[in-house]
Amino acid sequence: QVQLVESGGGLVQPGGSLRLSCAASGVIFSIYNMAWYRQAPGKQRELVGTITRGGSTNYAAFVKGRFTISKDNAKNTVYLQMNSLKPEDTAVYYCNADVAGPTGRDDYWGQGTQVTVSS
């Protein structure tokens, strides 16, 4: 079974930075697209950005220029560097990955990590 574990969330002041990590573990043959989503209280989960197997990235308009997704293939880990944080970035951030394992290719989610932007 594949597991995704996020870390790095916390409380930060407006204008500050945080880096989230998401490590995939288990029996993994290959990781395809990975993505970060977020869900604020009372709102639907929304896509923050994606990174392909080849390393190409795409971002939602509301984070472009402020957030950067990267990955370390050797560690099966994807990162979300968040700069110039705003109070409206407050949400639970989730990692998502398209992974091939012994039972085939499937979609996995992490448990989420809370990010709170407040003075």
C-alpha atoms as a PDB file:
ATOM      1  CA  GLN A   1       0.000   0.000   0.000  1.00  0.00           C
ATOM      2  CA  VAL A   2       1.276   3.450  -0.899  1.00  0.00           C
ATOM      3  CA  GLN A   3       1.157   6.208   1.698  1.00  0.00           C
ATOM      4  CA  LEU A   4       1.628   9.946   1.290  1.00  0.00           C
ATOM      5  CA  VAL A   5       2.697  11.904   4.355  1.00  0.00           C
ATOM      6  CA  GLU A   6       2.726  15.698   4.366  1.00  0.00           C
ATOM      7  CA  SER A   7       4.717  17.858   6.740  1.00  0.00           C
ATOM      8  CA  GLY A   8       5.797  21.449   7.172  1.00  0.00           C
ATOM      9  CA  GLY A   9       2.535  23.195   7.932  1.00  0.00           C
ATOM     10  CA  GLY A  10       2.111  25.695  10.732  1.00  0.00           C
ATOM     11  CA  LEU A  11       1.343  29.264  11.693  1.00  0.00           C
ATOM     12  CA  VAL A  12       3.035  32.054   9.752  1.00  0.00           C
ATOM     13  CA  GLN A  13       2.574  35.806   9.562  1.00  0.00           C
ATOM     14  CA  PRO A  14       1.336  37.480   6.383  1.00  0.00           C
ATOM     15  CA  GLY A  15       4.225  37.922   3.963  1.00  0.00           C
ATOM     16  CA  GLY A  16       6.055  34.946   5.423  1.00  0.00           C
ATOM     17  CA  SER A  17       7.111  31.647   3.882  1.00  0.00           C
ATOM     18  CA  LEU A  18       6.601  27.955   4.489  1.00  0.00           C
ATOM     19  CA  ARG A  19       7.794  24.834   2.714  1.00  0.00           C
ATOM     20  CA  LEU A  20       5.555  21.781   2.685  1.00  0.00           C
ATOM     21  CA  SER A  21       6.843  18.310   1.968  1.00  0.00           C
ATOM     22  CA  CYS A  22       5.012  15.194   0.845  1.00  0.00           C
ATOM     23  CA  ALA A  23       6.830  11.875   0.968  1.00  0.00           C
ATOM     24  CA  ALA A  24       5.496   8.780  -0.762  1.00  0.00           C
ATOM     25  CA  SER A  25       6.320   5.406   0.767  1.00  0.00           C
ATOM     26  CA  GLY A  26       5.474   1.772   0.172  1.00  0.00           C
ATOM     27  CA  VAL A  27       6.033  -0.437  -2.824  1.00  0.00           C
ATOM     28  CA  ILE A  28       6.261   2.082  -5.657  1.00  0.00           C
ATOM     29  CA  PHE A  29       7.042   1.177  -9.237  1.00  0.00           C
ATOM     30  CA  SER A  30       6.640   4.665 -10.631  1.00  0.00           C
ATOM     31  CA  ILE A  31       5.158   8.051  -9.704  1.00  0.00           C
ATOM     32  CA  TYR A  32       3.408   9.980 -12.431  1.00  0.00           C
ATOM     33  CA  ASN A  33       1.775  13.346 -11.804  1.00  0.00           C
ATOM     34  CA  MET A  34       1.867  14.831  -8.317  1.00  0.00           C
ATOM     35  CA  ALA A  35      -0.193  17.733  -7.118  1.00  0.00           C
ATOM     36  CA  TRP A  36      -0.993  19.985  -4.204  1.00  0.00           C
ATOM     37  CA  TYR A  37      -4.563  20.886  -3.289  1.00  0.00           C
ATOM     38  CA  ARG A  38      -5.966  22.960  -0.489  1.00  0.00           C
ATOM     39  CA  GLN A  39      -9.271  23.258   1.324  1.00  0.00           C
ATOM     40  CA  ALA A  40     -10.259  26.265   3.380  1.00  0.00           C
ATOM     41  CA  PRO A  41     -13.045  26.068   5.989  1.00  0.00           C
ATOM     42  CA  GLY A  42     -16.429  26.049   4.322  1.00  0.00           C
ATOM     43  CA  LYS A  43     -14.962  25.858   0.829  1.00  0.00           C
ATOM     44  CA  GLN A  44     -14.382  23.137  -1.718  1.00  0.00           C
ATOM     45  CA  ARG A  45     -10.990  21.569  -2.220  1.00  0.00           C
ATOM     46  CA  GLU A  46      -9.090  23.403  -4.962  1.00  0.00           C
ATOM     47  CA  LEU A  47      -6.030  22.638  -7.028  1.00  0.00           C
ATOM     48  CA  VAL A  48      -2.918  24.629  -6.136  1.00  0.00           C
ATOM     49  CA  GLY A  49      -0.553  23.179  -8.714  1.00  0.00           C
ATOM     50  CA  THR A  50       0.844  20.106 -10.380  1.00  0.00           C
ATOM     51  CA  ILE A  51       4.187  18.640 -11.355  1.00  0.00           C
ATOM     52  CA  THR A  52       4.546  15.983 -14.018  1.00  0.00           C
ATOM     53  CA  ARG A  53       6.848  13.004 -14.066  1.00  0.00           C
ATOM     54  CA  GLY A  54       9.161  15.028 -16.290  1.00  0.00           C
ATOM     55  CA  GLY A  55       9.158  17.978 -13.923  1.00  0.00           C
ATOM     56  CA  SER A  56       6.837  20.369 -15.733  1.00  0.00           C
ATOM     57  CA  THR A  57       4.731  22.503 -13.429  1.00  0.00           C
ATOM     58  CA  ASN A  58       1.419  24.310 -13.615  1.00  0.00           C
ATOM     59  CA  TYR A  59      -0.158  26.560 -11.034  1.00  0.00           C
ATOM     60  CA  ALA A  60      -3.513  28.032 -10.165  1.00  0.00           C
ATOM     61  CA  ALA A  61      -3.739  31.706 -10.963  1.00  0.00           C
ATOM     62  CA  PHE A  62      -4.119  32.645  -7.316  1.00  0.00           C
ATOM     63  CA  VAL A  63      -0.627  31.302  -6.422  1.00  0.00           C
ATOM     64  CA  LYS A  64       1.336  32.026  -9.562  1.00  0.00           C
ATOM     65  CA  GLY A  65       4.572  33.810  -8.776  1.00  0.00           C
ATOM     66  CA  ARG A  66       4.307  33.049  -5.070  1.00  0.00           C
ATOM     67  CA  PHE A  67       4.321  29.239  -4.829  1.00  0.00           C
ATOM     68  CA  THR A  68       6.765  26.785  -6.378  1.00  0.00           C
ATOM     69  CA  ILE A  69       6.398  23.017  -6.703  1.00  0.00           C
ATOM     70  CA  SER A  70       9.486  20.845  -6.961  1.00  0.00           C
ATOM     71  CA  LYS A  71      10.352  17.230  -6.366  1.00  0.00           C
ATOM     72  CA  ASP A  72      13.152  14.862  -5.441  1.00  0.00           C
ATOM     73  CA  ASN A  73      12.691  11.661  -7.416  1.00  0.00           C
ATOM     74  CA  ALA A  74      15.263   9.772  -5.368  1.00  0.00           C
ATOM     75  CA  LYS A  75      13.251  10.470  -2.209  1.00  0.00           C
ATOM     76  CA  ASN A  76       9.792  10.143  -3.813  1.00  0.00           C
ATOM     77  CA  THR A  77       9.080  13.549  -2.313  1.00  0.00           C
ATOM     78  CA  VAL A  78       7.315  16.611  -3.652  1.00  0.00           C
ATOM     79  CA  TYR A  79       7.641  20.071  -2.141  1.00  0.00           C
ATOM     80  CA  LEU A  80       5.522  23.198  -2.082  1.00  0.00           C
ATOM     81  CA  GLN A  81       7.486  26.363  -1.398  1.00  0.00           C
ATOM     82  CA  MET A  82       5.057  29.099  -0.394  1.00  0.00           C
ATOM     83  CA  ASN A  83       6.232  32.707  -0.306  1.00  0.00           C
ATOM     84  CA  SER A  84       4.437  36.006   0.259  1.00  0.00           C
ATOM     85  CA  LEU A  85       1.710  34.193   2.139  1.00  0.00           C
ATOM     86  CA  LYS A  86      -1.649  35.881   2.588  1.00  0.00           C
ATOM     87  CA  PRO A  87      -4.418  35.245   5.137  1.00  0.00           C
ATOM     88  CA  GLU A  88      -6.530  33.801   2.321  1.00  0.00           C
ATOM     89  CA  ASP A  89      -3.919  31.057   1.854  1.00  0.00           C
ATOM     90  CA  THR A  90      -5.062  29.614   5.182  1.00  0.00           C
ATOM     91  CA  ALA A  91      -6.238  26.065   4.502  1.00  0.00           C
ATOM     92  CA  VAL A  92      -5.461  22.400   4.910  1.00  0.00           C
ATOM     93  CA  TYR A  93      -3.014  21.479   2.179  1.00  0.00           C
ATOM     94  CA  TYR A  94      -3.172  18.016   0.642  1.00  0.00           C
ATOM     95  CA  CYS A  95      -0.735  16.110  -1.500  1.00  0.00           C
ATOM     96  CA  ASN A  96      -2.000  13.926  -4.339  1.00  0.00           C
ATOM     97  CA  ALA A  97      -0.063  11.439  -6.441  1.00  0.00           C
ATOM     98  CA  ASP A  98      -0.713   9.121  -9.356  1.00  0.00           C
ATOM     99  CA  VAL A  99       1.322   6.036  -8.463  1.00  0.00           C
ATOM    100  CA  ALA A 100       1.979   2.669 -10.049  1.00  0.00           C
ATOM    101  CA  GLY A 101       2.440  -0.163  -7.561  1.00  0.00           C
ATOM    102  CA  PRO A 102       2.001  -3.924  -7.314  1.00  0.00           C
ATOM    103  CA  THR A 103      -1.794  -3.676  -7.662  1.00  0.00           C
ATOM    104  CA  GLY A 104      -1.667  -1.305 -10.597  1.00  0.00           C
ATOM    105  CA  ARG A 105      -1.885   2.448 -11.063  1.00  0.00           C
ATOM    106  CA  ASP A 106      -3.943   4.412  -8.564  1.00  0.00           C
ATOM    107  CA  ASP A 107      -4.556   7.840  -7.093  1.00  0.00           C
ATOM    108  CA  TYR A 108      -3.423   8.537  -3.515  1.00  0.00           C
ATOM    109  CA  TRP A 109      -3.979  11.366  -1.025  1.00  0.00           C
ATOM    110  CA  GLY A 110      -2.101  12.479   2.034  1.00  0.00           C
ATOM    111  CA  GLN A 111      -3.770  13.270   5.338  1.00  0.00           C
ATOM    112  CA  GLY A 112      -3.301  17.012   4.958  1.00  0.00           C
ATOM    113  CA  THR A 113      -1.303  19.625   6.822  1.00  0.00           C
ATOM    114  CA  GLN A 114      -2.732  22.835   8.255  1.00  0.00           C
ATOM    115  CA  VAL A 115      -1.358  26.170   7.099  1.00  0.00           C
ATOM    116  CA  THR A 116      -2.537  29.245   8.985  1.00  0.00           C
ATOM    117  CA  VAL A 117      -1.547  32.733   7.876  1.00  0.00           C
ATOM    118  CA  SER A 118      -2.307  35.256  10.573  1.00  0.00           C
ATOM    119  CA  SER A 119      -0.748  38.103  12.487  1.00  0.00           C
END
